[in-house]
Amino acid sequence: VRADRTKAGDPERGRLVMRQYACIACHMIPGVVGPETHVGPSLAGLPHRAYIAGVLTNTEDNLVRWLRNPIAVDPDTAMPDLGLSPQHARDAAAYLQTLD
């Protein structure tokens, strides 16, 4: 095992990542408070959806892929590339997978 291998996502750190990157500015996120300017879809119930952004099968790896580079997945998306590190994307994905 390589020493620099990315750690598994942590939902608690992921909740902080959601705040740090101001995801609430566009999305309603259960457990994260912020303005009511929901340009993007609610993220409630994300684990129960078949697809991420209507394009990728809903898996944690695909969610990380989407969070790291949404424009590469869907060039017409309004979701900006926020520059999440691999670890921040894993943490955010782990948190999003806990939302009902």
PDB file of N, CA and C in Angstrom:
ATOM      1  N   VAL A   1       0.844  -1.181   0.000  1.00  0.00           N
ATOM      2  CA  VAL A   1       0.000   0.000   0.000  1.00  0.00           C
ATOM      3  C   VAL A   1       0.885   1.239   0.000  1.00  0.00           C
ATOM      4  N   ARG A   2       0.594   2.153  -0.902  1.00  0.00           N
ATOM      5  CA  ARG A   2       1.372   3.382  -0.983  1.00  0.00           C
ATOM      6  C   ARG A   2       1.046   4.293   0.189  1.00  0.00           C
ATOM      7  N   ALA A   3       2.050   4.957   0.719  1.00  0.00           N
ATOM      8  CA  ALA A   3       1.865   5.834   1.862  1.00  0.00           C
ATOM      9  C   ALA A   3       1.018   7.058   1.512  1.00  0.00           C
ATOM     10  N   ASP A   4       1.035   7.493   0.251  1.00  0.00           N
ATOM     11  CA  ASP A   4       0.305   8.702  -0.129  1.00  0.00           C
ATOM     12  C   ASP A   4      -1.107   8.397  -0.640  1.00  0.00           C
ATOM     13  N   ARG A   5      -1.560   7.193  -0.459  1.00  0.00           N
ATOM     14  CA  ARG A   5      -2.890   6.802  -0.932  1.00  0.00           C
ATOM     15  C   ARG A   5      -3.969   7.646  -0.256  1.00  0.00           C
ATOM     16  N   THR A   6      -4.952   8.084  -1.025  1.00  0.00           N
ATOM     17  CA  THR A   6      -6.039   8.902  -0.504  1.00  0.00           C
ATOM     18  C   THR A   6      -6.846   8.107   0.513  1.00  0.00           C
ATOM     19  N   LYS A   7      -7.162   8.738   1.610  1.00  0.00           N
ATOM     20  CA  LYS A   7      -7.966   8.100   2.646  1.00  0.00           C
ATOM     21  C   LYS A   7      -9.413   7.992   2.189  1.00  0.00           C
ATOM     22  N   ALA A   8     -10.124   7.038   2.750  1.00  0.00           N
ATOM     23  CA  ALA A   8     -11.551   6.907   2.461  1.00  0.00           C
ATOM     24  C   ALA A   8     -12.264   8.176   2.911  1.00  0.00           C
ATOM     25  N   GLY A   9     -13.383   8.461   2.296  1.00  0.00           N
ATOM     26  CA  GLY A   9     -14.150   9.639   2.666  1.00  0.00           C
ATOM     27  C   GLY A   9     -14.724   9.551   4.060  1.00  0.00           C
ATOM     28  N   ASP A  10     -14.786  10.693   4.720  1.00  0.00           N
ATOM     29  CA  ASP A  10     -15.329  10.785   6.066  1.00  0.00           C
ATOM     30  C   ASP A  10     -16.532  11.736   6.036  1.00  0.00           C
ATOM     31  N   PRO A  11     -17.723  11.247   6.384  1.00  0.00           N
ATOM     32  CA  PRO A  11     -18.917  12.085   6.311  1.00  0.00           C
ATOM     33  C   PRO A  11     -18.844  13.352   7.164  1.00  0.00           C
ATOM     34  N   GLU A  12     -18.253  13.278   8.342  1.00  0.00           N
ATOM     35  CA  GLU A  12     -18.153  14.475   9.189  1.00  0.00           C
ATOM     36  C   GLU A  12     -17.262  15.527   8.552  1.00  0.00           C
ATOM     37  N   ARG A  13     -16.132  15.102   8.009  1.00  0.00           N
ATOM     38  CA  ARG A  13     -15.281  16.055   7.289  1.00  0.00           C
ATOM     39  C   ARG A  13     -16.013  16.558   6.054  1.00  0.00           C
ATOM     40  N   GLY A  14     -16.786  15.685   5.420  1.00  0.00           N
ATOM     41  CA  GLY A  14     -17.538  16.062   4.233  1.00  0.00           C
ATOM     42  C   GLY A  14     -18.542  17.157   4.503  1.00  0.00           C
ATOM     43  N   ARG A  15     -19.171  17.114   5.658  1.00  0.00           N
ATOM     44  CA  ARG A  15     -20.120  18.179   6.029  1.00  0.00           C
ATOM     45  C   ARG A  15     -19.392  19.519   6.108  1.00  0.00           C
ATOM     46  N   LEU A  16     -18.189  19.505   6.651  1.00  0.00           N
ATOM     47  CA  LEU A  16     -17.380  20.724   6.707  1.00  0.00           C
ATOM     48  C   LEU A  16     -16.969  21.180   5.311  1.00  0.00           C
ATOM     49  N   VAL A  17     -16.647  20.228   4.449  1.00  0.00           N
ATOM     50  CA  VAL A  17     -16.280  20.553   3.063  1.00  0.00           C
ATOM     51  C   VAL A  17     -17.450  21.253   2.378  1.00  0.00           C
ATOM     52  N   MET A  18     -18.663  20.770   2.608  1.00  0.00           N
ATOM     53  CA  MET A  18     -19.847  21.376   1.990  1.00  0.00           C
ATOM     54  C   MET A  18     -19.965  22.837   2.405  1.00  0.00           C
ATOM     55  N   ARG A  19     -19.622  23.137   3.651  1.00  0.00           N
ATOM     56  CA  ARG A  19     -19.636  24.527   4.121  1.00  0.00           C
ATOM     57  C   ARG A  19     -18.472  25.309   3.524  1.00  0.00           C
ATOM     58  N   GLN A  20     -17.285  24.711   3.538  1.00  0.00           N
ATOM     59  CA  GLN A  20     -16.076  25.398   3.061  1.00  0.00           C
ATOM     60  C   GLN A  20     -16.227  25.834   1.610  1.00  0.00           C
ATOM     61  N   TYR A  21     -16.817  25.001   0.784  1.00  0.00           N
ATOM     62  CA  TYR A  21     -16.967  25.307  -0.633  1.00  0.00           C
ATOM     63  C   TYR A  21     -18.300  25.983  -0.953  1.00  0.00           C
ATOM     64  N   ALA A  22     -19.054  26.341   0.091  1.00  0.00           N
ATOM     65  CA  ALA A  22     -20.308  27.094  -0.037  1.00  0.00           C
ATOM     66  C   ALA A  22     -21.320  26.417  -0.960  1.00  0.00           C
ATOM     67  N   CYS A  23     -21.413  25.100  -0.893  1.00  0.00           N
ATOM     68  CA  CYS A  23     -22.356  24.360  -1.733  1.00  0.00           C
ATOM     69  C   CYS A  23     -23.801  24.786  -1.477  1.00  0.00           C
ATOM     70  N   ILE A  24     -24.070  25.247  -0.258  1.00  0.00           N
ATOM     71  CA  ILE A  24     -25.410  25.687   0.112  1.00  0.00           C
ATOM     72  C   ILE A  24     -25.831  26.932  -0.671  1.00  0.00           C
ATOM     73  N   ALA A  25     -24.877  27.615  -1.293  1.00  0.00           N
ATOM     74  CA  ALA A  25     -25.224  28.789  -2.095  1.00  0.00           C
ATOM     75  C   ALA A  25     -26.103  28.411  -3.280  1.00  0.00           C
ATOM     76  N   CYS A  26     -25.996  27.170  -3.737  1.00  0.00           N
ATOM     77  CA  CYS A  26     -26.800  26.717  -4.885  1.00  0.00           C
ATOM     78  C   CYS A  26     -27.739  25.565  -4.562  1.00  0.00           C
ATOM     79  N   HIS A  27     -27.441  24.792  -3.536  1.00  0.00           N
ATOM     80  CA  HIS A  27     -28.207  23.580  -3.226  1.00  0.00           C
ATOM     81  C   HIS A  27     -28.780  23.618  -1.823  1.00  0.00           C
ATOM     82  N   MET A  28     -29.976  23.037  -1.654  1.00  0.00           N
ATOM     83  CA  MET A  28     -30.500  22.778  -0.326  1.00  0.00           C
ATOM     84  C   MET A  28     -29.829  21.491   0.144  1.00  0.00           C
ATOM     85  N   ILE A  29     -29.180  21.552   1.314  1.00  0.00           N
ATOM     86  CA  ILE A  29     -28.453  20.401   1.842  1.00  0.00           C
ATOM     87  C   ILE A  29     -28.917  20.174   3.274  1.00  0.00           C
ATOM     88  N   PRO A  30     -29.577  19.057   3.551  1.00  0.00           N
ATOM     89  CA  PRO A  30     -29.995  18.800   4.922  1.00  0.00           C
ATOM     90  C   PRO A  30     -28.791  18.862   5.880  1.00  0.00           C
ATOM     91  N   GLY A  31     -28.965  19.583   6.985  1.00  0.00           N
ATOM     92  CA  GLY A  31     -27.908  19.674   7.988  1.00  0.00           C
ATOM     93  C   GLY A  31     -26.914  20.789   7.747  1.00  0.00           C
ATOM     94  N   VAL A  32     -27.056  21.532   6.652  1.00  0.00           N
ATOM     95  CA  VAL A  32     -26.155  22.648   6.356  1.00  0.00           C
ATOM     96  C   VAL A  32     -27.028  23.889   6.167  1.00  0.00           C
ATOM     97  N   VAL A  33     -26.777  24.922   6.958  1.00  0.00           N
ATOM     98  CA  VAL A  33     -27.584  26.135   6.864  1.00  0.00           C
ATOM     99  C   VAL A  33     -26.916  27.163   5.966  1.00  0.00           C
ATOM    100  N   GLY A  34     -27.740  27.982   5.346  1.00  0.00           N
ATOM    101  CA  GLY A  34     -27.242  29.030   4.467  1.00  0.00           C
ATOM    102  C   GLY A  34     -28.392  29.746   3.789  1.00  0.00           C
ATOM    103  N   PRO A  35     -28.084  30.526   2.776  1.00  0.00           N
ATOM    104  CA  PRO A  35     -29.130  31.291   2.095  1.00  0.00           C
ATOM    105  C   PRO A  35     -30.089  30.388   1.334  1.00  0.00           C
ATOM    106  N   GLU A  36     -31.238  30.902   1.058  1.00  0.00           N
ATOM    107  CA  GLU A  36     -32.275  30.153   0.329  1.00  0.00           C
ATOM    108  C   GLU A  36     -32.235  30.532  -1.154  1.00  0.00           C
ATOM    109  N   THR A  37     -31.094  30.334  -1.797  1.00  0.00           N
ATOM    110  CA  THR A  37     -30.915  30.726  -3.201  1.00  0.00           C
ATOM    111  C   THR A  37     -30.714  29.506  -4.086  1.00  0.00           C
ATOM    112  N   HIS A  38     -31.501  28.521  -3.918  1.00  0.00           N
ATOM    113  CA  HIS A  38     -31.285  27.213  -4.515  1.00  0.00           C
ATOM    114  C   HIS A  38     -31.406  27.219  -6.041  1.00  0.00           C
ATOM    115  N   VAL A  39     -30.278  27.425  -6.695  1.00  0.00           N
ATOM    116  CA  VAL A  39     -30.189  27.390  -8.154  1.00  0.00           C
ATOM    117  C   VAL A  39     -30.134  25.946  -8.627  1.00  0.00           C
ATOM    118  N   GLY A  40     -29.392  25.126  -7.906  1.00  0.00           N
ATOM    119  CA  GLY A  40     -29.272  23.704  -8.226  1.00  0.00           C
ATOM    120  C   GLY A  40     -30.308  22.902  -7.462  1.00  0.00           C
ATOM    121  N   PRO A  41     -30.400  21.616  -7.758  1.00  0.00           N
ATOM    122  CA  PRO A  41     -31.389  20.766  -7.094  1.00  0.00           C
ATOM    123  C   PRO A  41     -31.050  20.524  -5.630  1.00  0.00           C
ATOM    124  N   SER A  42     -32.075  20.187  -4.865  1.00  0.00           N
ATOM    125  CA  SER A  42     -31.862  19.767  -3.487  1.00  0.00           C
ATOM    126  C   SER A  42     -31.006  18.506  -3.499  1.00  0.00           C
ATOM    127  N   LEU A  43     -30.135  18.394  -2.514  1.00  0.00           N
ATOM    128  CA  LEU A  43     -29.307  17.197  -2.414  1.00  0.00           C
ATOM    129  C   LEU A  43     -29.886  16.189  -1.426  1.00  0.00           C
ATOM    130  N   ALA A  44     -31.048  16.497  -0.859  1.00  0.00           N
ATOM    131  CA  ALA A  44     -31.740  15.557   0.020  1.00  0.00           C
ATOM    132  C   ALA A  44     -32.076  14.302  -0.771  1.00  0.00           C
ATOM    133  N   GLY A  45     -31.872  13.159  -0.176  1.00  0.00           N
ATOM    134  CA  GLY A  45     -32.214  11.901  -0.818  1.00  0.00           C
ATOM    135  C   GLY A  45     -31.268  11.459  -1.912  1.00  0.00           C
ATOM    136  N   LEU A  46     -30.126  12.118  -2.032  1.00  0.00           N
ATOM    137  CA  LEU A  46     -29.182  11.782  -3.099  1.00  0.00           C
ATOM    138  C   LEU A  46     -28.830  10.292  -3.153  1.00  0.00           C
ATOM    139  N   PRO A  47     -28.640   9.619  -2.018  1.00  0.00           N
ATOM    140  CA  PRO A  47     -28.277   8.198  -2.099  1.00  0.00           C
ATOM    141  C   PRO A  47     -29.341   7.314  -2.758  1.00  0.00           C
ATOM    142  N   HIS A  48     -30.558   7.821  -2.822  1.00  0.00           N
ATOM    143  CA  HIS A  48     -31.657   7.022  -3.364  1.00  0.00           C
ATOM    144  C   HIS A  48     -31.920   7.290  -4.843  1.00  0.00           C
ATOM    145  N   ARG A  49     -31.152   8.171  -5.444  1.00  0.00           N
ATOM    146  CA  ARG A  49     -31.331   8.501  -6.859  1.00  0.00           C
ATOM    147  C   ARG A  49     -30.542   7.526  -7.730  1.00  0.00           C
ATOM    148  N   ALA A  50     -31.060   7.260  -8.901  1.00  0.00           N
ATOM    149  CA  ALA A  50     -30.390   6.332  -9.820  1.00  0.00           C
ATOM    150  C   ALA A  50     -29.181   6.980 -10.487  1.00  0.00           C
ATOM    151  N   TYR A  51     -29.265   8.297 -10.725  1.00  0.00           N
ATOM    152  CA  TYR A  51     -28.207   8.987 -11.460  1.00  0.00           C
ATOM    153  C   TYR A  51     -27.744  10.248 -10.746  1.00  0.00           C
ATOM    154  N   ILE A  52     -26.519  10.607 -11.014  1.00  0.00           N
ATOM    155  CA  ILE A  52     -25.938  11.865 -10.574  1.00  0.00           C
ATOM    156  C   ILE A  52     -25.963  12.789 -11.783  1.00  0.00           C
ATOM    157  N   ALA A  53     -26.581  13.956 -11.605  1.00  0.00           N
ATOM    158  CA  ALA A  53     -26.678  14.949 -12.679  1.00  0.00           C
ATOM    159  C   ALA A  53     -27.340  14.382 -13.926  1.00  0.00           C
ATOM    160  N   GLY A  54     -28.127  13.332 -13.770  1.00  0.00           N
ATOM    161  CA  GLY A  54     -28.817  12.733 -14.900  1.00  0.00           C
ATOM    162  C   GLY A  54     -27.905  12.020 -15.881  1.00  0.00           C
ATOM    163  N   VAL A  55     -26.634  11.837 -15.512  1.00  0.00           N
ATOM    164  CA  VAL A  55     -25.646  11.312 -16.452  1.00  0.00           C
ATOM    165  C   VAL A  55     -24.911  10.086 -15.923  1.00  0.00           C
ATOM    166  N   LEU A  56     -24.463  10.130 -14.678  1.00  0.00           N
ATOM    167  CA  LEU A  56     -23.642   9.056 -14.118  1.00  0.00           C
ATOM    168  C   LEU A  56     -24.456   8.159 -13.193  1.00  0.00           C
ATOM    169  N   THR A  57     -24.237   6.873 -13.263  1.00  0.00           N
ATOM    170  CA  THR A  57     -24.841   5.958 -12.302  1.00  0.00           C
ATOM    171  C   THR A  57     -24.413   6.389 -10.907  1.00  0.00           C
ATOM    172  N   ASN A  58     -25.345   6.371  -9.979  1.00  0.00           N
ATOM    173  CA  ASN A  58     -25.094   6.881  -8.634  1.00  0.00           C
ATOM    174  C   ASN A  58     -24.252   5.911  -7.806  1.00  0.00           C
ATOM    175  N   THR A  59     -22.935   6.086  -7.888  1.00  0.00           N
ATOM    176  CA  THR A  59     -21.993   5.376  -7.033  1.00  0.00           C
ATOM    177  C   THR A  59     -21.115   6.420  -6.356  1.00  0.00           C
ATOM    178  N   GLU A  60     -20.460   6.036  -5.285  1.00  0.00           N
ATOM    179  CA  GLU A  60     -19.599   6.992  -4.591  1.00  0.00           C
ATOM    180  C   GLU A  60     -18.433   7.424  -5.483  1.00  0.00           C
ATOM    181  N   ASP A  61     -17.864   6.500  -6.234  1.00  0.00           N
ATOM    182  CA  ASP A  61     -16.767   6.867  -7.144  1.00  0.00           C
ATOM    183  C   ASP A  61     -17.232   7.854  -8.213  1.00  0.00           C
ATOM    184  N   ASN A  62     -18.424   7.639  -8.764  1.00  0.00           N
ATOM    185  CA  ASN A  62     -18.941   8.575  -9.761  1.00  0.00           C
ATOM    186  C   ASN A  62     -19.269   9.927  -9.151  1.00  0.00           C
ATOM    187  N   LEU A  63     -19.728   9.927  -7.911  1.00  0.00           N
ATOM    188  CA  LEU A  63     -19.996  11.188  -7.234  1.00  0.00           C
ATOM    189  C   LEU A  63     -18.697  11.967  -7.031  1.00  0.00           C
ATOM    190  N   VAL A  64     -17.639  11.271  -6.657  1.00  0.00           N
ATOM    191  CA  VAL A  64     -16.325  11.915  -6.534  1.00  0.00           C
ATOM    192  C   VAL A  64     -15.903  12.476  -7.884  1.00  0.00           C
ATOM    193  N   ARG A  65     -16.080  11.693  -8.922  1.00  0.00           N
ATOM    194  CA  ARG A  65     -15.742  12.142 -10.288  1.00  0.00           C
ATOM    195  C   ARG A  65     -16.504  13.428 -10.635  1.00  0.00           C
ATOM    196  N   TRP A  66     -17.797  13.450 -10.363  1.00  0.00           N
ATOM    197  CA  TRP A  66     -18.634  14.609 -10.624  1.00  0.00           C
ATOM    198  C   TRP A  66     -18.155  15.823  -9.819  1.00  0.00           C
ATOM    199  N   LEU A  67     -17.908  15.631  -8.541  1.00  0.00           N
ATOM    200  CA  LEU A  67     -17.488  16.738  -7.688  1.00  0.00           C
ATOM    201  C   LEU A  67     -16.133  17.303  -8.095  1.00  0.00           C
ATOM    202  N   ARG A  68     -15.251  16.463  -8.560  1.00  0.00           N
ATOM    203  CA  ARG A  68     -13.909  16.909  -8.958  1.00  0.00           C
ATOM    204  C   ARG A  68     -13.906  17.665 -10.279  1.00  0.00           C
ATOM    205  N   ASN A  69     -14.783  17.256 -11.218  1.00  0.00           N
ATOM    206  CA  ASN A  69     -14.739  17.900 -12.530  1.00  0.00           C
ATOM    207  C   ASN A  69     -16.087  17.754 -13.242  1.00  0.00           C
ATOM    208  N   PRO A  70     -17.092  18.503 -12.788  1.00  0.00           N
ATOM    209  CA  PRO A  70     -18.425  18.341 -13.375  1.00  0.00           C
ATOM    210  C   PRO A  70     -18.485  18.683 -14.862  1.00  0.00           C
ATOM    211  N   ILE A  71     -17.671  19.618 -15.301  1.00  0.00           N
ATOM    212  CA  ILE A  71     -17.700  20.029 -16.703  1.00  0.00           C
ATOM    213  C   ILE A  71     -17.183  18.925 -17.626  1.00  0.00           C
ATOM    214  N   ALA A  72     -16.276  18.101 -17.141  1.00  0.00           N
ATOM    215  CA  ALA A  72     -15.800  16.965 -17.940  1.00  0.00           C
ATOM    216  C   ALA A  72     -16.892  15.915 -18.108  1.00  0.00           C
ATOM    217  N   VAL A  73     -17.786  15.831 -17.131  1.00  0.00           N
ATOM    218  CA  VAL A  73     -18.887  14.875 -17.201  1.00  0.00           C
ATOM    219  C   VAL A  73     -20.008  15.417 -18.081  1.00  0.00           C
ATOM    220  N   ASP A  74     -20.334  16.688 -17.890  1.00  0.00           N
ATOM    221  CA  ASP A  74     -21.400  17.325 -18.664  1.00  0.00           C
ATOM    222  C   ASP A  74     -20.976  18.754 -18.996  1.00  0.00           C
ATOM    223  N   PRO A  75     -20.489  18.974 -20.204  1.00  0.00           N
ATOM    224  CA  PRO A  75     -19.998  20.307 -20.583  1.00  0.00           C
ATOM    225  C   PRO A  75     -21.049  21.414 -20.480  1.00  0.00           C
ATOM    226  N   ASP A  76     -22.329  21.061 -20.474  1.00  0.00           N
ATOM    227  CA  ASP A  76     -23.394  22.062 -20.404  1.00  0.00           C
ATOM    228  C   ASP A  76     -23.909  22.311 -18.991  1.00  0.00           C
ATOM    229  N   THR A  77     -23.267  21.706 -17.989  1.00  0.00           N
ATOM    230  CA  THR A  77     -23.741  21.869 -16.618  1.00  0.00           C
ATOM    231  C   THR A  77     -23.512  23.284 -16.106  1.00  0.00           C
ATOM    232  N   ALA A  78     -24.366  23.697 -15.192  1.00  0.00           N
ATOM    233  CA  ALA A  78     -24.168  24.973 -14.504  1.00  0.00           C
ATOM    234  C   ALA A  78     -23.283  24.785 -13.268  1.00  0.00           C
ATOM    235  N   MET A  79     -23.023  23.533 -12.915  1.00  0.00           N
ATOM    236  CA  MET A  79     -22.182  23.231 -11.746  1.00  0.00           C
ATOM    237  C   MET A  79     -20.745  23.645 -12.050  1.00  0.00           C
ATOM    238  N   PRO A  80     -20.193  24.554 -11.233  1.00  0.00           N
ATOM    239  CA  PRO A  80     -18.817  24.985 -11.495  1.00  0.00           C
ATOM    240  C   PRO A  80     -17.795  23.975 -10.990  1.00  0.00           C
ATOM    241  N   ASP A  81     -16.621  24.033 -11.564  1.00  0.00           N
ATOM    242  CA  ASP A  81     -15.487  23.261 -11.048  1.00  0.00           C
ATOM    243  C   ASP A  81     -14.950  24.049  -9.858  1.00  0.00           C
ATOM    244  N   LEU A  82     -15.142  23.523  -8.672  1.00  0.00           N
ATOM    245  CA  LEU A  82     -14.754  24.231  -7.452  1.00  0.00           C
ATOM    246  C   LEU A  82     -13.321  23.950  -7.027  1.00  0.00           C
ATOM    247  N   GLY A  83     -12.646  23.076  -7.761  1.00  0.00           N
ATOM    248  CA  GLY A  83     -11.258  22.777  -7.423  1.00  0.00           C
ATOM    249  C   GLY A  83     -11.104  21.912  -6.182  1.00  0.00           C
ATOM    250  N   LEU A  84     -12.070  21.038  -5.937  1.00  0.00           N
ATOM    251  CA  LEU A  84     -11.964  20.152  -4.780  1.00  0.00           C
ATOM    252  C   LEU A  84     -10.764  19.230  -4.928  1.00  0.00           C
ATOM    253  N   SER A  85     -10.037  19.060  -3.851  1.00  0.00           N
ATOM    254  CA  SER A  85      -8.944  18.089  -3.828  1.00  0.00           C
ATOM    255  C   SER A  85      -9.571  16.693  -3.855  1.00  0.00           C
ATOM    256  N   PRO A  86      -8.781  15.681  -4.197  1.00  0.00           N
ATOM    257  CA  PRO A  86      -9.337  14.319  -4.163  1.00  0.00           C
ATOM    258  C   PRO A  86      -9.923  13.960  -2.796  1.00  0.00           C
ATOM    259  N   GLN A  87      -9.237  14.348  -1.720  1.00  0.00           N
ATOM    260  CA  GLN A  87      -9.736  14.016  -0.382  1.00  0.00           C
ATOM    261  C   GLN A  87     -11.008  14.781  -0.050  1.00  0.00           C
ATOM    262  N   HIS A  88     -11.061  16.055  -0.391  1.00  0.00           N
ATOM    263  CA  HIS A  88     -12.275  16.817  -0.136  1.00  0.00           C
ATOM    264  C   HIS A  88     -13.447  16.238  -0.919  1.00  0.00           C
ATOM    265  N   ALA A  89     -13.221  15.825  -2.150  1.00  0.00           N
ATOM    266  CA  ALA A  89     -14.289  15.225  -2.944  1.00  0.00           C
ATOM    267  C   ALA A  89     -14.756  13.907  -2.325  1.00  0.00           C
ATOM    268  N   ARG A  90     -13.829  13.096  -1.830  1.00  0.00           N
ATOM    269  CA  ARG A  90     -14.214  11.830  -1.174  1.00  0.00           C
ATOM    270  C   ARG A  90     -15.011  12.101   0.099  1.00  0.00           C
ATOM    271  N   ASP A  91     -14.565  13.089   0.870  1.00  0.00           N
ATOM    272  CA  ASP A  91     -15.281  13.430   2.106  1.00  0.00           C
ATOM    273  C   ASP A  91     -16.679  13.960   1.792  1.00  0.00           C
ATOM    274  N   ALA A  92     -16.778  14.853   0.809  1.00  0.00           N
ATOM    275  CA  ALA A  92     -18.082  15.397   0.426  1.00  0.00           C
ATOM    276  C   ALA A  92     -18.999  14.285  -0.073  1.00  0.00           C
ATOM    277  N   ALA A  93     -18.474  13.388  -0.888  1.00  0.00           N
ATOM    278  CA  ALA A  93     -19.271  12.270  -1.400  1.00  0.00           C
ATOM    279  C   ALA A  93     -19.749  11.385  -0.256  1.00  0.00           C
ATOM    280  N   ALA A  94     -18.875  11.124   0.704  1.00  0.00           N
ATOM    281  CA  ALA A  94     -19.269  10.299   1.853  1.00  0.00           C
ATOM    282  C   ALA A  94     -20.402  10.967   2.624  1.00  0.00           C
ATOM    283  N   TYR A  95     -20.329  12.281   2.791  1.00  0.00           N
ATOM    284  CA  TYR A  95     -21.401  13.007   3.483  1.00  0.00           C
ATOM    285  C   TYR A  95     -22.695  12.962   2.660  1.00  0.00           C
ATOM    286  N   LEU A  96     -22.599  13.239   1.371  1.00  0.00           N
ATOM    287  CA  LEU A  96     -23.797  13.259   0.529  1.00  0.00           C
ATOM    288  C   LEU A  96     -24.477  11.894   0.499  1.00  0.00           C
ATOM    289  N   GLN A  97     -23.706  10.831   0.636  1.00  0.00           N
ATOM    290  CA  GLN A  97     -24.287   9.477   0.638  1.00  0.00           C
ATOM    291  C   GLN A  97     -25.043   9.181   1.936  1.00  0.00           C
ATOM    292  N   THR A  98     -24.981  10.083   2.924  1.00  0.00           N
ATOM    293  CA  THR A  98     -25.724   9.884   4.175  1.00  0.00           C
ATOM    294  C   THR A  98     -27.060  10.611   4.173  1.00  0.00           C
ATOM    295  N   LEU A  99     -27.322  11.432   3.178  1.00  0.00           N
ATOM    296  CA  LEU A  99     -28.518  12.274   3.184  1.00  0.00           C
ATOM    297  C   LEU A  99     -29.764  11.505   2.766  1.00  0.00           C
ATOM    298  N   ASP A 100     -30.795  11.664   3.567  1.00  0.00           N
ATOM    299  CA  ASP A 100     -32.092  11.054   3.233  1.00  0.00           C
ATOM    300  C   ASP A 100     -33.068  12.086   2.764  1.00  0.00           C
TER     301      ASP A 100
END
